[in-house]
Amino acid sequence: MKSLAGLHERGGDWERFVEMFVTKVHRGRWPHAEDHWERTVVDFLNTSEMEGLSARRATETAQRLAKAHLWYAAKKWGTCSWCP
């Protein structure tokens, strides 16, 4: 699983997502944002849809789904699903 810093380096949508998720949603608290990112990816990895996929494909898919989920929550409510 890629860290948020690693995803930020990809540029494009990933860079915009990380900047929004870390700076706006988590007020610059990288460890907090990283923890919530990892939890979300793991939750998606543990779904029945990931069964039968290679580890690489499952991880990439889970990361894309996590980004979509977290980005939607951030845009709609200004928070992430893990924040109280």
C-alpha atoms as a PDB file:
ATOM      1  CA  MET A   1       0.000   0.000   0.000  1.00  0.00           C
ATOM      2  CA  LYS A   2       1.307   3.427  -0.924  1.00  0.00           C
ATOM      3  CA  SER A   3       1.644   6.050   1.765  1.00  0.00           C
ATOM      4  CA  LEU A   4       0.006   9.403   1.257  1.00  0.00           C
ATOM      5  CA  ALA A   5       3.429  10.916   0.563  1.00  0.00           C
ATOM      6  CA  GLY A   6       4.055   8.295  -2.124  1.00  0.00           C
ATOM      7  CA  LEU A   7       0.676   8.961  -3.695  1.00  0.00           C
ATOM      8  CA  HIS A   8       1.309  12.710  -3.603  1.00  0.00           C
ATOM      9  CA  GLU A   9       4.427  12.164  -5.706  1.00  0.00           C
ATOM     10  CA  ARG A  10       2.305  10.641  -8.494  1.00  0.00           C
ATOM     11  CA  GLY A  11       0.879  14.077  -9.244  1.00  0.00           C
ATOM     12  CA  GLY A  12      -2.450  14.794 -10.887  1.00  0.00           C
ATOM     13  CA  ASP A  13      -5.612  13.675  -9.086  1.00  0.00           C
ATOM     14  CA  TRP A  14      -3.579  11.835  -6.473  1.00  0.00           C
ATOM     15  CA  GLU A  15      -1.652  14.996  -5.577  1.00  0.00           C
ATOM     16  CA  ARG A  16      -4.848  17.053  -5.335  1.00  0.00           C
ATOM     17  CA  PHE A  17      -6.510  14.362  -3.205  1.00  0.00           C
ATOM     18  CA  VAL A  18      -3.601  14.125  -0.750  1.00  0.00           C
ATOM     19  CA  GLU A  19      -3.310  17.889  -0.392  1.00  0.00           C
ATOM     20  CA  MET A  20      -7.033  18.230   0.292  1.00  0.00           C
ATOM     21  CA  PHE A  21      -7.163  15.192   2.600  1.00  0.00           C
ATOM     22  CA  VAL A  22      -4.145  16.200   4.669  1.00  0.00           C
ATOM     23  CA  THR A  23      -4.289  19.999   4.698  1.00  0.00           C
ATOM     24  CA  LYS A  24      -8.015  20.700   4.687  1.00  0.00           C
ATOM     25  CA  VAL A  25      -9.638  17.661   6.248  1.00  0.00           C
ATOM     26  CA  HIS A  26      -6.926  16.814   8.793  1.00  0.00           C
ATOM     27  CA  ARG A  27      -5.516  20.332   9.219  1.00  0.00           C
ATOM     28  CA  GLY A  28      -2.001  19.316   8.224  1.00  0.00           C
ATOM     29  CA  ARG A  29      -1.747  16.391  10.647  1.00  0.00           C
ATOM     30  CA  TRP A  30      -0.012  13.861   8.381  1.00  0.00           C
ATOM     31  CA  PRO A  31       0.052  10.965  10.904  1.00  0.00           C
ATOM     32  CA  HIS A  32      -3.668  11.332  11.543  1.00  0.00           C
ATOM     33  CA  ALA A  33      -4.476  11.460   7.825  1.00  0.00           C
ATOM     34  CA  GLU A  34      -2.150   8.515   7.119  1.00  0.00           C
ATOM     35  CA  ASP A  35      -3.880   6.409   9.777  1.00  0.00           C
ATOM     36  CA  HIS A  36      -7.310   7.144   8.297  1.00  0.00           C
ATOM     37  CA  TRP A  37      -6.025   6.436   4.780  1.00  0.00           C
ATOM     38  CA  GLU A  38      -4.598   3.063   5.816  1.00  0.00           C
ATOM     39  CA  ARG A  39      -7.758   2.055   7.670  1.00  0.00           C
ATOM     40  CA  THR A  40      -9.903   2.849   4.644  1.00  0.00           C
ATOM     41  CA  VAL A  41      -7.684   0.928   2.224  1.00  0.00           C
ATOM     42  CA  VAL A  42      -7.631  -2.095   4.549  1.00  0.00           C
ATOM     43  CA  ASP A  43     -11.430  -1.981   4.841  1.00  0.00           C
ATOM     44  CA  PHE A  44     -11.731  -2.121   1.063  1.00  0.00           C
ATOM     45  CA  LEU A  45      -9.111  -4.882   0.860  1.00  0.00           C
ATOM     46  CA  ASN A  46     -11.217  -7.000   3.207  1.00  0.00           C
ATOM     47  CA  THR A  47     -14.262  -7.094   0.940  1.00  0.00           C
ATOM     48  CA  SER A  48     -15.460 -10.048  -1.086  1.00  0.00           C
ATOM     49  CA  GLU A  49     -14.864  -8.092  -4.304  1.00  0.00           C
ATOM     50  CA  MET A  50     -11.110  -8.379  -3.738  1.00  0.00           C
ATOM     51  CA  GLU A  51     -11.143 -12.170  -3.502  1.00  0.00           C
ATOM     52  CA  GLY A  52      -9.415 -13.798  -6.428  1.00  0.00           C
ATOM     53  CA  LEU A  53      -7.486 -10.680  -7.419  1.00  0.00           C
ATOM     54  CA  SER A  54      -3.712 -10.624  -7.264  1.00  0.00           C
ATOM     55  CA  ALA A  55      -2.313  -8.754  -4.278  1.00  0.00           C
ATOM     56  CA  ARG A  56      -1.120  -5.923  -6.511  1.00  0.00           C
ATOM     57  CA  ARG A  57      -4.428  -5.548  -8.327  1.00  0.00           C
ATOM     58  CA  ALA A  58      -6.422  -5.745  -5.081  1.00  0.00           C
ATOM     59  CA  THR A  59      -4.248  -3.075  -3.461  1.00  0.00           C
ATOM     60  CA  GLU A  60      -4.487  -0.752  -6.458  1.00  0.00           C
ATOM     61  CA  THR A  61      -8.251  -1.219  -6.610  1.00  0.00           C
ATOM     62  CA  ALA A  62      -8.652  -0.678  -2.863  1.00  0.00           C
ATOM     63  CA  GLN A  63      -6.591   2.512  -3.064  1.00  0.00           C
ATOM     64  CA  ARG A  64      -8.726   3.874  -5.913  1.00  0.00           C
ATOM     65  CA  LEU A  65     -11.931   3.036  -4.024  1.00  0.00           C
ATOM     66  CA  ALA A  66     -10.573   4.553  -0.812  1.00  0.00           C
ATOM     67  CA  LYS A  67      -9.635   7.748  -2.662  1.00  0.00           C
ATOM     68  CA  ALA A  68     -13.113   8.014  -4.173  1.00  0.00           C
ATOM     69  CA  HIS A  69     -14.796   7.349  -0.827  1.00  0.00           C
ATOM     70  CA  LEU A  70     -12.648   9.778   1.166  1.00  0.00           C
ATOM     71  CA  TRP A  71     -12.706  12.477  -1.507  1.00  0.00           C
ATOM     72  CA  TYR A  72     -16.506  12.328  -1.678  1.00  0.00           C
ATOM     73  CA  ALA A  73     -16.862  12.626   2.105  1.00  0.00           C
ATOM     74  CA  ALA A  74     -14.380  15.500   2.204  1.00  0.00           C
ATOM     75  CA  LYS A  75     -16.145  17.432  -0.537  1.00  0.00           C
ATOM     76  CA  LYS A  76     -19.663  16.768   0.741  1.00  0.00           C
ATOM     77  CA  TRP A  77     -19.141  17.127   4.503  1.00  0.00           C
ATOM     78  CA  GLY A  78     -15.625  18.553   4.873  1.00  0.00           C
ATOM     79  CA  THR A  79     -14.487  15.599   6.964  1.00  0.00           C
ATOM     80  CA  CYS A  80     -13.392  11.995   6.608  1.00  0.00           C
ATOM     81  CA  SER A  81     -15.376   8.938   7.606  1.00  0.00           C
ATOM     82  CA  TRP A  82     -12.974   8.141  10.468  1.00  0.00           C
ATOM     83  CA  CYS A  83     -13.003  11.553  12.111  1.00  0.00           C
ATOM     84  CA  PRO A  84     -15.458  11.945  14.974  1.00  0.00           C
END
